[in-house]
Amino acid sequence: MKRRLILLIAGMVLIVGMVFLFIAKKRAGVYLSKKPNNTASLPLLLTQAKEAEAKASLLEAKATYQKLISEFPGSAEILNWQKKSEDLNIKLLFSSSFTPKSLLYEIKPGDTLTKIAREFKTTQDLIKKSNGLSDDKILPGRKIKVWTAPFTILVDKSQNSLILKTDEEIIKTYIVSTGANNSTPTGNFKIVNKLLNPAWFKAGAVVPAGSAENILGSRWLGFNLAGYGIHGTTEPQSLGRQVTQGCVRMSNTDVEELYTIVPEGTEVTVVD
């Protein structure tokens, strides 16, 4: 009788154990089924990004490329996605598409582009570019897109790169040249003047804009440190190396783009 009771108890324990094991496996299966299939989602996200681009849905395309970068950081395509994201940033800046960092402004009597740009700490060129304006004429009552977020610039001498940012978001990364023999000063600066087609003052002589000897290229953005700034070049093959007399050198196409975007007062940080 006693032996039969022991066997009965053992059998009940075994049954209870099997029930618990079944429940545990079932729960594990549920959790595993909920785990996202990242391998399958990569081509899906890529298709969505390309479709959004094709439809000119710039914000959607940008968000999708950023999601790809975030979820698949080890992909061999990540540099291409970063380039796509940065290209979309510039398209958004230069288009009439509204973003969380722009607003719709109604032109008032007495307004000028200079006044509006000063009020919102942006540039006349960017207002014109993003609204398809061919000249400075504006009419009261018209609504225009105005960028409102401040930009900052980071120059990394070790990488010969210039990074345009807003609120810590990278807008675009440019390849630049910096000073030979580590001659580009490090620290925090501000852009205090901007010149279109600048002349170059070389050993007391003036080298006019457009001259093959004018190393400043098509634009100048001067720092609050005399003699230093960001400029274009007549030697694009030198980009990516430390070869300048201390300034930050960009291709003419890139410096013209930057000139359009950043106003005087923009903060520039240069690091080794």
Protein backbone atom coordinates (compact mmCIF):
# COMPACT_ATOMS: atom_id res chain seq x y z
CA MET A 1 0.00 0.00 0.00
CA LYS A 2 2.78 2.33 0.95
CA ARG A 3 4.71 1.46 -2.23
CA ARG A 4 1.63 2.07 -4.37
CA LEU A 5 1.18 5.52 -2.78
CA ILE A 6 4.80 6.45 -3.54
CA LEU A 7 4.39 5.40 -7.18
CA LEU A 8 1.19 7.45 -7.43
CA ILE A 9 2.89 10.57 -6.06
CA ALA A 10 5.88 10.08 -8.40
CA GLY A 11 3.54 9.77 -11.35
CA MET A 12 1.73 12.99 -10.44
CA VAL A 13 5.05 14.84 -10.10
CA LEU A 14 6.10 13.58 -13.54
CA ILE A 15 2.83 14.72 -15.11
CA VAL A 16 3.05 18.17 -13.52
CA GLY A 17 6.66 18.48 -14.72
CA MET A 18 5.67 17.59 -18.28
CA VAL A 19 2.86 20.16 -18.21
CA PHE A 20 5.24 22.90 -17.05
CA LEU A 21 7.76 21.90 -19.75
CA PHE A 22 5.06 22.07 -22.42
CA ILE A 23 3.94 25.53 -21.28
CA ALA A 24 7.53 26.80 -21.18
CA LYS A 25 8.23 25.56 -24.72
CA LYS A 26 5.01 27.10 -25.99
CA ARG A 27 5.87 30.48 -24.46
CA ALA A 28 9.38 30.31 -25.90
CA GLY A 29 7.90 29.59 -29.31
CA VAL A 30 5.64 32.62 -29.04
CA TYR A 31 8.54 34.87 -28.11
CA LEU A 32 10.68 33.49 -30.93
CA SER A 33 7.89 34.05 -33.42
CA LYS A 34 7.68 37.69 -32.33
CA LYS A 35 11.38 38.28 -32.98
CA PRO A 36 11.72 40.47 -36.10
CA ASN A 37 13.29 38.95 -39.18
CA ASN A 38 15.94 41.60 -39.86
CA THR A 39 17.31 39.74 -42.87
CA ALA A 40 13.92 39.94 -44.55
CA SER A 41 13.32 43.57 -43.57
CA LEU A 42 16.51 44.91 -45.20
CA PRO A 43 15.35 44.48 -48.83
CA LEU A 44 11.89 45.68 -47.82
CA LEU A 45 13.26 48.90 -46.28
CA LEU A 46 15.54 49.44 -49.27
CA THR A 47 12.59 49.09 -51.64
CA GLN A 48 10.57 51.55 -49.54
CA ALA A 49 13.44 54.06 -49.59
CA LYS A 50 13.80 53.87 -53.37
CA GLU A 51 10.04 54.15 -53.91
CA ALA A 52 9.88 57.21 -51.65
CA GLU A 53 12.74 58.81 -53.61
CA ALA A 54 10.99 58.09 -56.90
CA LYS A 55 7.84 59.80 -55.59
CA ALA A 56 9.92 62.77 -54.34
CA SER A 57 8.77 61.98 -50.79
CA LEU A 58 12.03 63.35 -49.44
CA LEU A 59 11.29 63.17 -45.71
CA GLU A 60 10.04 59.58 -45.98
CA ALA A 61 13.06 58.54 -48.04
CA LYS A 62 15.46 60.18 -45.59
CA ALA A 63 13.78 58.52 -42.58
CA THR A 64 13.95 55.12 -44.28
CA TYR A 65 17.66 55.42 -45.12
CA GLN A 66 18.34 56.50 -41.54
CA LYS A 67 16.44 53.43 -40.32
CA LEU A 68 18.59 51.23 -42.55
CA ILE A 69 21.74 52.84 -41.10
CA SER A 70 20.47 52.33 -37.55
CA GLU A 71 19.28 48.73 -37.93
CA PHE A 72 22.03 47.38 -40.19
CA PRO A 73 25.25 49.16 -39.11
CA GLY A 74 27.40 46.27 -40.32
CA SER A 75 26.09 46.27 -43.88
CA ALA A 76 28.54 46.71 -46.74
CA GLU A 77 26.09 49.29 -48.13
CA ILE A 78 26.13 51.61 -45.13
CA LEU A 79 28.36 54.25 -46.78
CA ASN A 80 25.98 54.37 -49.75
CA TRP A 81 23.01 54.82 -47.39
CA GLN A 82 24.81 57.61 -45.54
CA LYS A 83 25.54 59.33 -48.86
CA LYS A 84 21.88 58.96 -49.87
CA SER A 85 20.75 60.40 -46.53
CA GLU A 86 23.09 63.40 -46.87
CA ASP A 87 22.04 64.03 -50.47
CA LEU A 88 18.42 64.03 -49.32
CA ASN A 89 19.28 66.52 -46.56
CA ILE A 90 20.58 68.97 -49.17
CA LYS A 91 17.57 68.36 -51.44
CA LEU A 92 15.27 69.10 -48.50
CA LEU A 93 17.17 72.29 -47.70
CA PHE A 94 17.02 73.53 -51.28
CA SER A 95 13.44 72.45 -52.03
CA SER A 96 10.10 73.93 -51.03
CA SER A 97 9.38 70.82 -48.91
CA PHE A 98 8.70 71.72 -45.29
CA THR A 99 10.57 70.06 -42.45
CA PRO A 100 10.36 70.27 -38.64
CA LYS A 101 13.19 72.83 -38.86
CA SER A 102 11.50 75.24 -41.25
CA LEU A 103 8.35 77.35 -41.20
CA LEU A 104 5.87 78.96 -43.55
CA TYR A 105 6.35 82.73 -43.40
CA GLU A 106 3.89 85.23 -44.87
CA ILE A 107 5.67 88.24 -46.36
CA LYS A 108 4.58 91.52 -44.78
CA PRO A 109 4.61 95.05 -46.24
CA GLY A 110 8.11 96.48 -45.84
CA ASP A 111 9.79 93.07 -45.71
CA THR A 112 12.98 92.40 -47.66
CA LEU A 113 14.93 89.19 -48.04
CA THR A 114 17.73 90.77 -46.02
CA LYS A 115 15.34 91.56 -43.17
CA ILE A 116 13.75 88.09 -43.18
CA ALA A 117 17.13 86.35 -43.33
CA ARG A 118 18.43 88.44 -40.42
CA GLU A 119 15.31 87.76 -38.33
CA PHE A 120 15.59 83.99 -38.70
CA LYS A 121 19.41 83.85 -38.77
CA THR A 122 19.53 82.27 -42.21
CA THR A 123 20.78 83.43 -45.63
CA GLN A 124 19.08 85.26 -48.45
CA ASP A 125 20.53 82.71 -50.84
CA LEU A 126 18.89 79.81 -48.99
CA ILE A 127 15.51 81.56 -48.94
CA LYS A 128 15.76 82.22 -52.68
CA LYS A 129 16.93 78.70 -53.47
CA SER A 130 14.23 76.93 -51.45
CA ASN A 131 11.45 79.10 -52.86
CA GLY A 132 12.54 79.24 -56.49
CA LEU A 133 13.15 83.00 -56.42
CA SER A 134 15.27 84.31 -59.29
CA ASP A 135 15.84 87.74 -57.74
CA ASP A 136 15.34 89.71 -54.52
CA LYS A 137 11.83 90.93 -55.37
CA ILE A 138 9.15 89.71 -52.96
CA LEU A 139 5.47 90.65 -52.67
CA PRO A 140 3.41 91.03 -49.47
CA GLY A 141 1.00 88.17 -48.88
CA ARG A 142 3.15 85.49 -50.43
CA LYS A 143 4.06 82.59 -48.16
CA ILE A 144 7.60 81.28 -48.29
CA LYS A 145 9.63 78.53 -46.66
CA VAL A 146 12.23 79.78 -44.16
CA TRP A 147 14.83 77.59 -42.44
CA THR A 148 14.97 78.31 -38.69
CA ALA A 149 17.50 75.92 -37.09
CA PRO A 150 21.11 77.06 -36.51
CA PHE A 151 23.97 75.32 -38.29
CA THR A 152 27.38 74.44 -36.89
CA ILE A 153 30.54 73.29 -38.66
CA LEU A 154 33.10 70.75 -37.42
CA VAL A 155 36.46 70.48 -39.19
CA ASP A 156 38.45 67.33 -38.41
CA LYS A 157 42.08 67.82 -39.46
CA SER A 158 43.00 64.15 -39.03
CA GLN A 159 40.27 63.13 -41.48
CA ASN A 160 40.45 66.23 -43.70
CA SER A 161 36.69 66.46 -43.40
CA LEU A 162 34.17 69.24 -42.80
CA ILE A 163 30.87 68.22 -41.21
CA LEU A 164 27.82 70.48 -41.49
CA LYS A 165 25.43 69.89 -38.60
CA THR A 166 22.20 71.22 -37.13
CA ASP A 167 21.12 70.28 -33.60
CA GLU A 168 23.78 67.53 -33.63
CA GLU A 169 22.27 65.99 -36.78
CA ILE A 170 24.81 65.55 -39.58
CA ILE A 171 23.54 67.29 -42.69
CA LYS A 172 26.53 66.59 -44.93
CA THR A 173 30.18 65.59 -44.75
CA TYR A 174 32.63 67.23 -47.17
CA ILE A 175 36.19 66.27 -48.12
CA VAL A 176 38.55 69.23 -47.56
CA SER A 177 42.22 70.11 -47.35
CA THR A 178 43.74 71.58 -44.20
CA GLY A 179 47.06 73.22 -43.37
CA ALA A 180 50.44 71.73 -44.20
CA ASN A 181 52.62 71.02 -41.16
CA ASN A 182 49.54 71.16 -38.91
CA SER A 183 49.18 74.90 -39.61
CA THR A 184 45.37 75.07 -39.40
CA PRO A 185 44.60 76.43 -35.91
CA THR A 186 42.33 74.39 -33.66
CA GLY A 187 39.60 75.82 -31.46
CA ASN A 188 36.23 77.51 -31.70
CA PHE A 189 35.63 80.23 -34.29
CA LYS A 190 32.80 82.08 -36.02
CA ILE A 191 32.22 83.00 -39.63
CA VAL A 192 32.34 86.80 -39.64
CA ASN A 193 32.44 87.61 -43.35
CA LYS A 194 31.44 86.01 -46.64
CA LEU A 195 32.79 86.97 -50.05
CA LEU A 196 31.64 86.04 -53.53
CA ASN A 197 34.52 85.51 -56.00
CA PRO A 198 37.16 86.87 -53.60
CA ALA A 199 40.42 88.50 -54.63
CA TRP A 200 43.56 87.03 -53.09
CA PHE A 201 46.13 89.30 -51.49
CA LYS A 202 49.50 87.66 -52.10
CA ALA A 203 52.64 89.35 -50.74
CA GLY A 204 51.13 92.78 -51.25
CA ALA A 205 49.83 92.01 -54.74
CA VAL A 206 46.17 91.54 -55.62
CA VAL A 207 45.32 88.36 -57.52
CA PRO A 208 41.86 88.92 -59.04
CA ALA A 209 38.97 86.50 -58.90
CA GLY A 210 38.97 84.04 -61.76
CA SER A 211 42.74 84.02 -62.10
CA ALA A 212 44.37 80.58 -62.21
CA GLU A 213 46.75 81.90 -59.55
CA ASN A 214 43.93 82.79 -57.15
CA ILE A 215 43.93 79.88 -54.72
CA LEU A 216 40.75 81.05 -52.96
CA GLY A 217 38.43 79.76 -55.66
CA SER A 218 34.87 81.03 -55.93
CA ARG A 219 33.90 81.70 -52.29
CA TRP A 220 35.37 82.86 -48.97
CA LEU A 221 33.94 82.38 -45.48
CA GLY A 222 36.26 84.19 -43.08
CA PHE A 223 36.83 83.31 -39.42
CA ASN A 224 37.13 85.73 -36.53
CA LEU A 225 40.85 85.01 -36.75
CA ALA A 226 42.50 87.23 -39.34
CA GLY A 227 43.74 85.42 -42.42
CA TYR A 228 41.91 82.16 -41.78
CA GLY A 229 38.69 80.79 -43.21
CA ILE A 230 37.02 78.34 -45.57
CA HIS A 231 37.42 78.83 -49.31
CA GLY A 232 37.29 77.15 -52.71
CA THR A 233 40.21 76.08 -54.84
CA THR A 234 41.82 76.05 -58.27
CA GLU A 235 43.48 72.74 -57.34
CA PRO A 236 40.69 70.21 -56.66
CA GLN A 237 43.20 67.36 -56.92
CA SER A 238 44.70 68.53 -53.60
CA LEU A 239 41.55 67.81 -51.58
CA GLY A 240 41.84 65.26 -48.80
CA ARG A 241 45.41 66.25 -47.88
CA GLN A 242 47.12 68.68 -45.51
CA VAL A 243 48.56 71.08 -48.07
CA THR A 244 47.14 74.58 -47.46
CA GLN A 245 48.70 77.61 -45.80
CA GLY A 246 46.32 77.12 -42.86
CA CYS A 247 42.85 77.64 -44.29
CA VAL A 248 40.21 75.00 -44.95
CA ARG A 249 40.00 74.32 -48.69
CA MET A 250 36.93 72.87 -50.43
CA SER A 251 35.99 72.20 -54.04
CA ASN A 252 34.29 75.21 -55.63
CA THR A 253 31.03 73.25 -55.97
CA ASP A 254 31.06 72.34 -52.28
CA VAL A 255 32.03 75.78 -50.97
CA GLU A 256 29.31 77.38 -53.10
CA GLU A 257 26.79 74.99 -51.54
CA LEU A 258 28.05 75.76 -48.02
CA TYR A 259 28.06 79.51 -48.77
CA THR A 260 24.37 79.31 -49.69
CA ILE A 261 23.47 77.49 -46.48
CA VAL A 262 25.37 79.06 -43.57
CA PRO A 263 25.01 82.69 -42.44
CA GLU A 264 27.55 84.94 -40.79
CA GLY A 265 27.77 84.06 -37.11
CA THR A 266 27.88 80.31 -37.76
CA GLU A 267 30.09 78.55 -35.21
CA VAL A 268 33.07 76.56 -36.48
CA THR A 269 35.03 74.06 -34.40
CA VAL A 270 38.40 72.78 -35.65
CA VAL A 271 39.91 69.68 -34.04
CA ASP A 272 43.13 67.72 -34.59
